[in-house]
Amino acid sequence: MQALLAQPRGFCAGVDRAIDIVERALALQGAPIYVRHEIVHNDHVVADLRGKGAVFVESLDDVPAGSTVIFSAHGVARSVRDEAQARGLKVFDATCPLVTKVHVEVSRMRREGRDVVMIGHAGHPEVQGTMGQADDGIHLVESVADVARLQVADPRQLGYVTQTTLSVDDCREIIAALRERFPGVAEPKKQDICYATQNRQDAVKFMVPQCDLVLVIGSPTSSNSNRLREVAQKMGCEAHLIGSAQELQPAWLVGRRRVGITAGASAPEVLVTELLARLRELGVNGVRQLPGVQEDTAFPLPKGLSAPAP
């Protein structure tokens, strides 16, 4: 039995930046540092930062006056920013710059008098933050069926944006349905699905024909990790999303020759290393990294954190 490693996999630039922001803030200011929502959707990362002094909260009501708060990589609604400012909290914004780009698009479209269609998953914090950039005139669609039911103020004044971590293929179908029903719909200047999501899905598509089982490392709350599992399944390959090596079930490996491994954009490489160690215990005797895109994207840190932490 052989293991194949997808390339690229794991951390993206936005996740690297978000974690770095929390660690630098802790080093410069000391604990506690408050983080609104999980900084990224990975239990291992959150537990590690909690151990260093980060306190994760779902509401600014839980942040004491005078404290420092970090907004997660998923972004927040304007109302959350306004509340933090009104309370005089010190804010470091870890919103992924590619999510911020979508926020800017929503604001621009509303200024132009357009209703905005948000393609995304209801309840996801990125979707909540993006829809919170407008007081009204923004509509969530999750499927082609939702497009058919959509009611807007003026069909001639419409634009769309998307969640950054969607399935590229599913999103393409929804966009096609929007264009068919609303031929004049305005599009983002550049697609909103981020480079890392695209690259990881492409890597899985390249890997699947070479293996008979796919293991995706990522937390159940991670949208991009769930999409990787779905991509493999839609190509006819058995695939499982696991949070760590401890969740691997030996029965999945019976009769397998090649096991494909990838990791969501918020999953650290240490989890891949631990999974490979467990697979070797269960009979894998070779590991081969597949060719793929080499990512070199990096995002700047917020003002006040750019100097190396002591």
C-alpha atoms as a PDB file:
ATOM      1  CA  MET A   1       0.000   0.000   0.000  1.00  0.00           C
ATOM      2  CA  GLN A   2       1.281   3.423  -0.999  1.00  0.00           C
ATOM      3  CA  ALA A   3       0.331   6.950   0.111  1.00  0.00           C
ATOM      4  CA  LEU A   4       0.092   9.813  -2.377  1.00  0.00           C
ATOM      5  CA  LEU A   5       0.380  13.408  -1.123  1.00  0.00           C
ATOM      6  CA  ALA A   6      -1.543  16.130  -2.956  1.00  0.00           C
ATOM      7  CA  GLN A   7       0.329  19.316  -3.833  1.00  0.00           C
ATOM      8  CA  PRO A   8      -0.572  21.904  -2.680  1.00  0.00           C
ATOM      9  CA  ARG A   9      -2.279  21.072   0.602  1.00  0.00           C
ATOM     10  CA  GLY A  10      -2.638  22.597   4.045  1.00  0.00           C
ATOM     11  CA  PHE A  11      -2.075  26.171   5.136  1.00  0.00           C
ATOM     12  CA  CYS A  12      -2.728  29.019   2.716  1.00  0.00           C
ATOM     13  CA  ALA A  13      -1.362  32.554   2.976  1.00  0.00           C
ATOM     14  CA  GLY A  14      -4.496  33.876   4.677  1.00  0.00           C
ATOM     15  CA  VAL A  15      -4.343  31.218   7.390  1.00  0.00           C
ATOM     16  CA  ASP A  16      -0.598  31.725   7.903  1.00  0.00           C
ATOM     17  CA  ARG A  17      -1.225  35.443   8.328  1.00  0.00           C
ATOM     18  CA  ALA A  18      -4.143  34.999  10.756  1.00  0.00           C
ATOM     19  CA  ILE A  19      -2.202  32.647  13.038  1.00  0.00           C
ATOM     20  CA  ASP A  20       0.838  34.929  12.875  1.00  0.00           C
ATOM     21  CA  ILE A  21      -1.314  37.888  13.940  1.00  0.00           C
ATOM     22  CA  VAL A  22      -2.514  36.077  17.069  1.00  0.00           C
ATOM     23  CA  GLU A  23       0.946  34.823  18.004  1.00  0.00           C
ATOM     24  CA  ARG A  24       2.569  38.230  17.498  1.00  0.00           C
ATOM     25  CA  ALA A  25      -0.153  40.013  19.456  1.00  0.00           C
ATOM     26  CA  LEU A  26       0.361  37.576  22.346  1.00  0.00           C
ATOM     27  CA  ALA A  27       4.134  38.036  22.225  1.00  0.00           C
ATOM     28  CA  LEU A  28       3.927  41.841  22.090  1.00  0.00           C
ATOM     29  CA  GLN A  29       1.079  42.476  24.508  1.00  0.00           C
ATOM     30  CA  GLY A  30       0.820  39.332  26.596  1.00  0.00           C
ATOM     31  CA  ALA A  31      -2.202  37.200  27.401  1.00  0.00           C
ATOM     32  CA  PRO A  32      -5.086  37.337  27.235  1.00  0.00           C
ATOM     33  CA  ILE A  33      -5.759  38.312  23.647  1.00  0.00           C
ATOM     34  CA  TYR A  34      -9.391  37.927  22.620  1.00  0.00           C
ATOM     35  CA  VAL A  35     -10.312  36.449  19.238  1.00  0.00           C
ATOM     36  CA  ARG A  36     -13.814  36.808  17.857  1.00  0.00           C
ATOM     37  CA  HIS A  37     -14.766  33.372  16.544  1.00  0.00           C
ATOM     38  CA  GLU A  38     -12.200  30.656  15.827  1.00  0.00           C
ATOM     39  CA  ILE A  39      -9.266  32.345  14.114  1.00  0.00           C
ATOM     40  CA  VAL A  40      -9.424  29.601  11.449  1.00  0.00           C
ATOM     41  CA  HIS A  41     -11.580  26.491  11.324  1.00  0.00           C
ATOM     42  CA  ASN A  42      -9.192  23.934  12.762  1.00  0.00           C
ATOM     43  CA  ASP A  43      -9.443  22.419  16.239  1.00  0.00           C
ATOM     44  CA  HIS A  44      -5.689  21.752  16.476  1.00  0.00           C
ATOM     45  CA  VAL A  45      -4.787  25.364  15.663  1.00  0.00           C
ATOM     46  CA  VAL A  46      -7.394  26.779  18.047  1.00  0.00           C
ATOM     47  CA  ALA A  47      -6.292  24.521  20.908  1.00  0.00           C
ATOM     48  CA  ASP A  48      -2.643  25.486  20.362  1.00  0.00           C
ATOM     49  CA  LEU A  49      -3.408  29.218  20.442  1.00  0.00           C
ATOM     50  CA  ARG A  50      -5.704  28.799  23.443  1.00  0.00           C
ATOM     51  CA  GLY A  51      -2.802  27.202  25.259  1.00  0.00           C
ATOM     52  CA  LYS A  52      -0.700  30.294  24.502  1.00  0.00           C
ATOM     53  CA  GLY A  53      -3.287  32.655  25.962  1.00  0.00           C
ATOM     54  CA  ALA A  54      -5.814  33.379  23.230  1.00  0.00           C
ATOM     55  CA  VAL A  55      -9.436  33.547  24.395  1.00  0.00           C
ATOM     56  CA  PHE A  56     -12.003  32.725  21.714  1.00  0.00           C
ATOM     57  CA  VAL A  57     -15.408  34.408  21.964  1.00  0.00           C
ATOM     58  CA  GLU A  58     -18.473  34.561  19.742  1.00  0.00           C
ATOM     59  CA  SER A  59     -19.578  38.020  20.863  1.00  0.00           C
ATOM     60  CA  LEU A  60     -17.810  41.262  21.706  1.00  0.00           C
ATOM     61  CA  ASP A  61     -19.944  41.282  24.867  1.00  0.00           C
ATOM     62  CA  ASP A  62     -17.441  38.754  26.201  1.00  0.00           C
ATOM     63  CA  VAL A  63     -14.456  41.049  25.609  1.00  0.00           C
ATOM     64  CA  PRO A  64     -13.596  43.199  28.664  1.00  0.00           C
ATOM     65  CA  ALA A  65     -13.255  46.949  28.215  1.00  0.00           C
ATOM     66  CA  GLY A  66      -9.784  48.071  27.203  1.00  0.00           C
ATOM     67  CA  SER A  67      -8.835  44.664  25.787  1.00  0.00           C
ATOM     68  CA  THR A  68      -7.344  43.699  22.443  1.00  0.00           C
ATOM     69  CA  VAL A  69      -9.569  41.756  20.065  1.00  0.00           C
ATOM     70  CA  ILE A  70      -8.653  40.036  16.808  1.00  0.00           C
ATOM     71  CA  PHE A  71     -11.192  39.491  14.043  1.00  0.00           C
ATOM     72  CA  SER A  72     -10.919  35.999  12.558  1.00  0.00           C
ATOM     73  CA  ALA A  73      -9.785  35.192   9.011  1.00  0.00           C
ATOM     74  CA  HIS A  74     -13.432  34.829   7.968  1.00  0.00           C
ATOM     75  CA  GLY A  75     -14.184  38.542   8.388  1.00  0.00           C
ATOM     76  CA  VAL A  76     -16.928  40.350  10.296  1.00  0.00           C
ATOM     77  CA  ALA A  77     -19.966  42.488   9.572  1.00  0.00           C
ATOM     78  CA  ARG A  78     -19.682  46.277   9.652  1.00  0.00           C
ATOM     79  CA  SER A  79     -21.807  46.290  12.810  1.00  0.00           C
ATOM     80  CA  VAL A  80     -19.108  44.298  14.637  1.00  0.00           C
ATOM     81  CA  ARG A  81     -16.421  46.801  13.606  1.00  0.00           C
ATOM     82  CA  ASP A  82     -18.642  49.677  14.694  1.00  0.00           C
ATOM     83  CA  GLU A  83     -19.276  48.038  18.062  1.00  0.00           C
ATOM     84  CA  ALA A  84     -15.565  47.462  18.670  1.00  0.00           C
ATOM     85  CA  GLN A  85     -14.809  51.087  17.828  1.00  0.00           C
ATOM     86  CA  ALA A  86     -17.635  52.394  20.026  1.00  0.00           C
ATOM     87  CA  ARG A  87     -16.310  50.386  22.967  1.00  0.00           C
ATOM     88  CA  GLY A  88     -12.750  51.558  22.416  1.00  0.00           C
ATOM     89  CA  LEU A  89     -11.350  48.060  21.914  1.00  0.00           C
ATOM     90  CA  LYS A  90      -7.958  47.711  20.288  1.00  0.00           C
ATOM     91  CA  VAL A  91      -8.484  45.739  17.087  1.00  0.00           C
ATOM     92  CA  PHE A  92      -6.155  43.700  14.926  1.00  0.00           C
ATOM     93  CA  ASP A  93      -7.934  42.522  11.806  1.00  0.00           C
ATOM     94  CA  ALA A  94      -6.969  39.020  10.649  1.00  0.00           C
ATOM     95  CA  THR A  95      -9.600  38.954   7.900  1.00  0.00           C
ATOM     96  CA  CYS A  96      -8.080  37.251   4.863  1.00  0.00           C
ATOM     97  CA  PRO A  97      -7.320  39.944   2.262  1.00  0.00           C
ATOM     98  CA  LEU A  98      -9.197  37.874  -0.318  1.00  0.00           C
ATOM     99  CA  VAL A  99     -12.307  38.017   1.885  1.00  0.00           C
ATOM    100  CA  THR A 100     -11.808  41.764   2.321  1.00  0.00           C
ATOM    101  CA  LYS A 101     -11.790  42.007  -1.484  1.00  0.00           C
ATOM    102  CA  VAL A 102     -15.305  40.509  -1.525  1.00  0.00           C
ATOM    103  CA  HIS A 103     -16.430  42.986   1.171  1.00  0.00           C
ATOM    104  CA  VAL A 104     -15.205  45.850  -1.003  1.00  0.00           C
ATOM    105  CA  GLU A 105     -17.116  44.457  -3.993  1.00  0.00           C
ATOM    106  CA  VAL A 106     -20.361  44.309  -1.999  1.00  0.00           C
ATOM    107  CA  SER A 107     -19.960  47.921  -0.868  1.00  0.00           C
ATOM    108  CA  ARG A 108     -19.182  49.066  -4.426  1.00  0.00           C
ATOM    109  CA  MET A 109     -22.186  47.269  -5.916  1.00  0.00           C
ATOM    110  CA  ARG A 110     -24.532  48.740  -3.305  1.00  0.00           C
ATOM    111  CA  ARG A 111     -23.174  52.249  -3.998  1.00  0.00           C
ATOM    112  CA  GLU A 112     -23.956  51.645  -7.662  1.00  0.00           C
ATOM    113  CA  GLY A 113     -27.553  50.898  -6.695  1.00  0.00           C
ATOM    114  CA  ARG A 114     -27.362  47.180  -7.349  1.00  0.00           C
ATOM    115  CA  ASP A 115     -28.886  44.395  -5.317  1.00  0.00           C
ATOM    116  CA  VAL A 116     -26.182  41.827  -4.508  1.00  0.00           C
ATOM    117  CA  VAL A 117     -26.460  38.047  -4.717  1.00  0.00           C
ATOM    118  CA  MET A 118     -24.156  36.256  -2.280  1.00  0.00           C
ATOM    119  CA  ILE A 119     -23.386  32.687  -3.355  1.00  0.00           C
ATOM    120  CA  GLY A 120     -22.436  30.759  -0.234  1.00  0.00           C
ATOM    121  CA  HIS A 121     -23.441  28.534   2.663  1.00  0.00           C
ATOM    122  CA  ALA A 122     -25.942  29.874   5.190  1.00  0.00           C
ATOM    123  CA  GLY A 123     -24.521  30.243   8.682  1.00  0.00           C
ATOM    124  CA  HIS A 124     -20.872  30.220   7.670  1.00  0.00           C
ATOM    125  CA  PRO A 125     -19.054  33.109   9.398  1.00  0.00           C
ATOM    126  CA  GLU A 126     -17.556  34.321   6.115  1.00  0.00           C
ATOM    127  CA  VAL A 127     -21.041  34.563   4.617  1.00  0.00           C
ATOM    128  CA  GLN A 128     -22.361  36.349   7.716  1.00  0.00           C
ATOM    129  CA  GLY A 129     -19.502  38.839   7.556  1.00  0.00           C
ATOM    130  CA  THR A 130     -19.903  39.490   3.834  1.00  0.00           C
ATOM    131  CA  MET A 131     -23.669  39.925   3.996  1.00  0.00           C
ATOM    132  CA  GLY A 132     -23.118  42.254   6.936  1.00  0.00           C
ATOM    133  CA  GLN A 133     -21.350  44.738   4.647  1.00  0.00           C
ATOM    134  CA  ALA A 134     -24.767  45.948   3.477  1.00  0.00           C
ATOM    135  CA  ASP A 135     -27.810  47.023   5.475  1.00  0.00           C
ATOM    136  CA  ASP A 136     -30.197  45.698   2.829  1.00  0.00           C
ATOM    137  CA  GLY A 137     -30.364  44.610  -0.792  1.00  0.00           C
ATOM    138  CA  ILE A 138     -28.207  41.489  -0.404  1.00  0.00           C
ATOM    139  CA  HIS A 139     -29.564  37.987  -1.018  1.00  0.00           C
ATOM    140  CA  LEU A 140     -28.068  34.580  -0.197  1.00  0.00           C
ATOM    141  CA  VAL A 141     -28.305  31.714  -2.679  1.00  0.00           C
ATOM    142  CA  GLU A 142     -26.924  28.241  -2.025  1.00  0.00           C
ATOM    143  CA  SER A 143     -28.138  26.366  -5.109  1.00  0.00           C
ATOM    144  CA  VAL A 144     -29.496  26.622  -8.628  1.00  0.00           C
ATOM    145  CA  ALA A 145     -32.972  26.149  -7.147  1.00  0.00           C
ATOM    146  CA  ASP A 146     -32.445  29.237  -4.983  1.00  0.00           C
ATOM    147  CA  VAL A 147     -31.673  31.259  -8.116  1.00  0.00           C
ATOM    148  CA  ALA A 148     -35.021  30.247  -9.612  1.00  0.00           C
ATOM    149  CA  ARG A 149     -36.826  31.537  -6.494  1.00  0.00           C
ATOM    150  CA  LEU A 150     -34.840  34.753  -6.182  1.00  0.00           C
ATOM    151  CA  GLN A 151     -36.776  38.036  -6.045  1.00  0.00           C
ATOM    152  CA  VAL A 152     -34.852  41.290  -6.489  1.00  0.00           C
ATOM    153  CA  ALA A 153     -35.831  44.954  -6.627  1.00  0.00           C
ATOM    154  CA  ASP A 154     -34.655  45.509 -10.219  1.00  0.00           C
ATOM    155  CA  PRO A 155     -33.395  42.582 -12.339  1.00  0.00           C
ATOM    156  CA  ARG A 156     -31.402  45.063 -14.431  1.00  0.00           C
ATOM    157  CA  GLN A 157     -29.488  46.291 -11.392  1.00  0.00           C
ATOM    158  CA  LEU A 158     -27.931  43.157  -9.970  1.00  0.00           C
ATOM    159  CA  GLY A 159     -24.468  41.850  -9.139  1.00  0.00           C
ATOM    160  CA  TYR A 160     -23.046  38.766  -7.471  1.00  0.00           C
ATOM    161  CA  VAL A 161     -20.180  37.785  -5.198  1.00  0.00           C
ATOM    162  CA  THR A 162     -19.217  34.390  -3.791  1.00  0.00           C
ATOM    163  CA  GLN A 163     -17.846  32.831  -0.653  1.00  0.00           C
ATOM    164  CA  THR A 164     -14.114  32.269  -1.163  1.00  0.00           C
ATOM    165  CA  THR A 165     -14.111  28.580  -0.180  1.00  0.00           C
ATOM    166  CA  LEU A 166     -16.808  27.108  -2.412  1.00  0.00           C
ATOM    167  CA  SER A 167     -16.612  24.198  -4.809  1.00  0.00           C
ATOM    168  CA  VAL A 168     -15.446  25.685  -8.082  1.00  0.00           C
ATOM    169  CA  ASP A 169     -17.687  23.339 -10.082  1.00  0.00           C
ATOM    170  CA  ASP A 170     -20.826  23.888  -7.982  1.00  0.00           C
ATOM    171  CA  CYS A 171     -20.310  27.637  -8.051  1.00  0.00           C
ATOM    172  CA  ARG A 172     -19.943  27.582 -11.816  1.00  0.00           C
ATOM    173  CA  GLU A 173     -23.412  26.011 -12.132  1.00  0.00           C
ATOM    174  CA  ILE A 174     -25.016  28.623  -9.889  1.00  0.00           C
ATOM    175  CA  ILE A 175     -23.333  31.473 -11.770  1.00  0.00           C
ATOM    176  CA  ALA A 176     -24.579  30.019 -15.061  1.00  0.00           C
ATOM    177  CA  ALA A 177     -28.122  29.945 -13.665  1.00  0.00           C
ATOM    178  CA  LEU A 178     -27.803  33.569 -12.535  1.00  0.00           C
ATOM    179  CA  ARG A 179     -26.580  34.669 -15.958  1.00  0.00           C
ATOM    180  CA  GLU A 180     -29.416  32.829 -17.665  1.00  0.00           C
ATOM    181  CA  ARG A 181     -32.110  34.394 -15.487  1.00  0.00           C
ATOM    182  CA  PHE A 182     -30.460  37.827 -15.164  1.00  0.00           C
ATOM    183  CA  PRO A 183     -28.412  38.371 -18.336  1.00  0.00           C
ATOM    184  CA  GLY A 184     -27.095  41.740 -17.186  1.00  0.00           C
ATOM    185  CA  VAL A 185     -25.831  40.579 -13.785  1.00  0.00           C
ATOM    186  CA  ALA A 186     -22.589  42.324 -12.849  1.00  0.00           C
ATOM    187  CA  GLU A 187     -19.638  40.107 -11.996  1.00  0.00           C
ATOM    188  CA  PRO A 188     -16.672  40.551  -9.654  1.00  0.00           C
ATOM    189  CA  LYS A 189     -13.639  42.039 -11.406  1.00  0.00           C
ATOM    190  CA  LYS A 190     -11.825  38.831 -10.496  1.00  0.00           C
ATOM    191  CA  GLN A 191     -13.373  35.553  -9.330  1.00  0.00           C
ATOM    192  CA  ASP A 192     -13.964  35.453  -5.579  1.00  0.00           C
ATOM    193  CA  ILE A 193     -13.062  31.799  -4.992  1.00  0.00           C
ATOM    194  CA  CYS A 194      -9.542  32.116  -3.660  1.00  0.00           C
ATOM    195  CA  TYR A 195      -6.401  30.793  -5.313  1.00  0.00           C
ATOM    196  CA  ALA A 196      -5.781  28.311  -2.473  1.00  0.00           C
ATOM    197  CA  THR A 197      -9.263  26.803  -2.699  1.00  0.00           C
ATOM    198  CA  GLN A 198      -8.877  26.459  -6.475  1.00  0.00           C
ATOM    199  CA  ASN A 199      -5.390  24.961  -6.236  1.00  0.00           C
ATOM    200  CA  ARG A 200      -6.334  22.390  -3.588  1.00  0.00           C
ATOM    201  CA  GLN A 201      -9.397  21.271  -5.518  1.00  0.00           C
ATOM    202  CA  ASP A 202      -7.337  20.972  -8.704  1.00  0.00           C
ATOM    203  CA  ALA A 203      -4.745  18.914  -6.800  1.00  0.00           C
ATOM    204  CA  VAL A 204      -7.439  16.498  -5.633  1.00  0.00           C
ATOM    205  CA  LYS A 205      -8.764  16.167  -9.186  1.00  0.00           C
ATOM    206  CA  PHE A 206      -5.241  15.283 -10.324  1.00  0.00           C
ATOM    207  CA  MET A 207      -4.757  12.791  -7.484  1.00  0.00           C
ATOM    208  CA  VAL A 208      -8.070  10.912  -7.561  1.00  0.00           C
ATOM    209  CA  PRO A 209      -7.461   8.896 -10.766  1.00  0.00           C
ATOM    210  CA  GLN A 210      -4.259   7.554  -9.191  1.00  0.00           C
ATOM    211  CA  CYS A 211      -5.750   6.269  -5.915  1.00  0.00           C
ATOM    212  CA  ASP A 212      -8.646   4.259  -4.554  1.00  0.00           C
ATOM    213  CA  LEU A 213      -9.195   6.132  -1.273  1.00  0.00           C
ATOM    214  CA  VAL A 214      -8.849   9.807  -0.327  1.00  0.00           C
ATOM    215  CA  LEU A 215      -8.306  11.102   3.200  1.00  0.00           C
ATOM    216  CA  VAL A 216      -8.850  14.824   3.754  1.00  0.00           C
ATOM    217  CA  ILE A 217      -7.455  16.301   6.954  1.00  0.00           C
ATOM    218  CA  GLY A 218      -9.589  19.149   8.241  1.00  0.00           C
ATOM    219  CA  SER A 219     -12.212  20.089  10.783  1.00  0.00           C
ATOM    220  CA  PRO A 220     -15.923  19.456  10.099  1.00  0.00           C
ATOM    221  CA  THR A 221     -16.558  23.215  10.274  1.00  0.00           C
ATOM    222  CA  SER A 222     -13.998  23.944   7.546  1.00  0.00           C
ATOM    223  CA  SER A 223     -15.802  24.779   4.305  1.00  0.00           C
ATOM    224  CA  ASN A 224     -12.805  24.290   2.027  1.00  0.00           C
ATOM    225  CA  SER A 225     -11.967  20.925   3.651  1.00  0.00           C
ATOM    226  CA  ASN A 226     -15.509  19.673   3.098  1.00  0.00           C
ATOM    227  CA  ARG A 227     -15.320  20.760  -0.527  1.00  0.00           C
ATOM    228  CA  LEU A 228     -12.135  18.688  -1.032  1.00  0.00           C
ATOM    229  CA  ARG A 229     -13.935  15.578   0.208  1.00  0.00           C
ATOM    230  CA  GLU A 230     -16.886  16.337  -2.078  1.00  0.00           C
ATOM    231  CA  VAL A 231     -14.628  16.803  -5.106  1.00  0.00           C
ATOM    232  CA  ALA A 232     -13.142  13.341  -4.614  1.00  0.00           C
ATOM    233  CA  GLN A 233     -16.533  11.739  -4.026  1.00  0.00           C
ATOM    234  CA  LYS A 234     -18.042  13.326  -7.132  1.00  0.00           C
ATOM    235  CA  MET A 235     -15.207  11.759  -9.126  1.00  0.00           C
ATOM    236  CA  GLY A 236     -16.269   8.345  -7.822  1.00  0.00           C
ATOM    237  CA  CYS A 237     -13.600   7.847  -5.152  1.00  0.00           C
ATOM    238  CA  GLU A 238     -14.327   6.945  -1.551  1.00  0.00           C
ATOM    239  CA  ALA A 239     -13.281   9.915   0.599  1.00  0.00           C
ATOM    240  CA  HIS A 240     -13.321  10.727   4.299  1.00  0.00           C
ATOM    241  CA  LEU A 241     -12.827  13.992   6.185  1.00  0.00           C
ATOM    242  CA  ILE A 242     -10.874  13.424   9.405  1.00  0.00           C
ATOM    243  CA  GLY A 243      -9.661  15.847  12.025  1.00  0.00           C
ATOM    244  CA  SER A 244      -6.560  13.837  12.917  1.00  0.00           C
ATOM    245  CA  ALA A 245      -4.872  10.448  12.615  1.00  0.00           C
ATOM    246  CA  GLN A 246      -6.928   9.249  15.594  1.00  0.00           C
ATOM    247  CA  GLU A 247     -10.080   9.355  13.449  1.00  0.00           C
ATOM    248  CA  LEU A 248      -8.659   7.033  10.789  1.00  0.00           C
ATOM    249  CA  GLN A 249     -10.544   3.740  10.688  1.00  0.00           C
ATOM    250  CA  PRO A 250      -8.346   0.768   9.685  1.00  0.00           C
ATOM    251  CA  ALA A 251     -11.291  -0.836   7.904  1.00  0.00           C
ATOM    252  CA  TRP A 252     -11.121   1.903   5.262  1.00  0.00           C
ATOM    253  CA  LEU A 253      -7.716   0.601   4.172  1.00  0.00           C
ATOM    254  CA  VAL A 254      -8.708  -3.011   3.520  1.00  0.00           C
ATOM    255  CA  GLY A 255      -7.912  -3.916  -0.084  1.00  0.00           C
ATOM    256  CA  ARG A 256      -6.515  -0.457  -0.925  1.00  0.00           C
ATOM    257  CA  ARG A 257      -3.410  -0.009  -3.045  1.00  0.00           C
ATOM    258  CA  ARG A 258      -2.992   3.766  -3.073  1.00  0.00           C
ATOM    259  CA  VAL A 259      -4.302   6.176  -0.460  1.00  0.00           C
ATOM    260  CA  GLY A 260      -4.488   9.847  -1.474  1.00  0.00           C
ATOM    261  CA  ILE A 261      -3.943  12.430   1.247  1.00  0.00           C
ATOM    262  CA  THR A 262      -4.680  16.133   1.275  1.00  0.00           C
ATOM    263  CA  ALA A 263      -5.393  18.780   3.901  1.00  0.00           C
ATOM    264  CA  GLY A 264      -7.673  21.786   4.004  1.00  0.00           C
ATOM    265  CA  ALA A 265      -6.269  25.310   3.952  1.00  0.00           C
ATOM    266  CA  SER A 266      -6.584  25.626   7.743  1.00  0.00           C
ATOM    267  CA  ALA A 267      -4.976  22.254   8.600  1.00  0.00           C
ATOM    268  CA  PRO A 268      -1.321  22.293   9.742  1.00  0.00           C
ATOM    269  CA  GLU A 269       1.241  19.984   8.146  1.00  0.00           C
ATOM    270  CA  VAL A 270       1.921  18.305  11.502  1.00  0.00           C
ATOM    271  CA  LEU A 271      -1.453  16.560  11.141  1.00  0.00           C
ATOM    272  CA  VAL A 272      -0.338  15.153   7.774  1.00  0.00           C
ATOM    273  CA  THR A 273       2.891  13.903   9.369  1.00  0.00           C
ATOM    274  CA  GLU A 274       0.961  12.181  12.164  1.00  0.00           C
ATOM    275  CA  LEU A 275      -1.441  10.594   9.667  1.00  0.00           C
ATOM    276  CA  LEU A 276       1.457   9.205   7.617  1.00  0.00           C
ATOM    277  CA  ALA A 277       2.969   7.695  10.764  1.00  0.00           C
ATOM    278  CA  ARG A 278      -0.324   5.983  11.536  1.00  0.00           C
ATOM    279  CA  LEU A 279      -0.667   4.741   7.955  1.00  0.00           C
ATOM    280  CA  ARG A 280       2.803   3.199   8.129  1.00  0.00           C
ATOM    281  CA  GLU A 281       1.711   1.303  11.237  1.00  0.00           C
ATOM    282  CA  LEU A 282      -1.231  -0.009   9.200  1.00  0.00           C
ATOM    283  CA  GLY A 283       0.789  -1.200   6.209  1.00  0.00           C
ATOM    284  CA  VAL A 284       1.700   1.780   4.027  1.00  0.00           C
ATOM    285  CA  ASN A 285       5.293   1.251   2.929  1.00  0.00           C
ATOM    286  CA  GLY A 286       5.838   4.146   0.543  1.00  0.00           C
ATOM    287  CA  VAL A 287       4.957   7.840   0.331  1.00  0.00           C
ATOM    288  CA  ARG A 288       5.046   9.823  -2.890  1.00  0.00           C
ATOM    289  CA  GLN A 289       4.384  13.549  -3.207  1.00  0.00           C
ATOM    290  CA  LEU A 290       2.589  14.381  -6.427  1.00  0.00           C
ATOM    291  CA  PRO A 291       3.601  17.322  -8.607  1.00  0.00           C
ATOM    292  CA  GLY A 292       1.539  20.461  -8.332  1.00  0.00           C
ATOM    293  CA  VAL A 293       1.443  24.220  -7.944  1.00  0.00           C
ATOM    294  CA  GLN A 294       4.077  25.737  -5.663  1.00  0.00           C
ATOM    295  CA  GLU A 295       2.402  28.600  -3.822  1.00  0.00           C
ATOM    296  CA  ASP A 296       4.416  31.664  -2.839  1.00  0.00           C
ATOM    297  CA  THR A 297       1.640  34.131  -1.949  1.00  0.00           C
ATOM    298  CA  ALA A 298       2.163  36.146   1.239  1.00  0.00           C
ATOM    299  CA  PHE A 299       0.027  38.871   2.797  1.00  0.00           C
ATOM    300  CA  PRO A 300       1.299  41.809   4.893  1.00  0.00           C
ATOM    301  CA  LEU A 301       0.529  42.021   8.589  1.00  0.00           C
ATOM    302  CA  PRO A 302      -1.572  44.805  10.123  1.00  0.00           C
ATOM    303  CA  LYS A 303       0.098  47.985  11.274  1.00  0.00           C
ATOM    304  CA  GLY A 304       1.645  47.503  14.691  1.00  0.00           C
ATOM    305  CA  LEU A 305       2.457  43.815  14.183  1.00  0.00           C
ATOM    306  CA  SER A 306       4.832  43.946  11.243  1.00  0.00           C
ATOM    307  CA  ALA A 307       7.986  44.030  13.418  1.00  0.00           C
ATOM    308  CA  PRO A 308       9.206  40.599  14.531  1.00  0.00           C
ATOM    309  CA  ALA A 309       7.776  39.624  17.901  1.00  0.00           C
ATOM    310  CA  PRO A 310      10.398  39.407  20.677  1.00  0.00           C
END
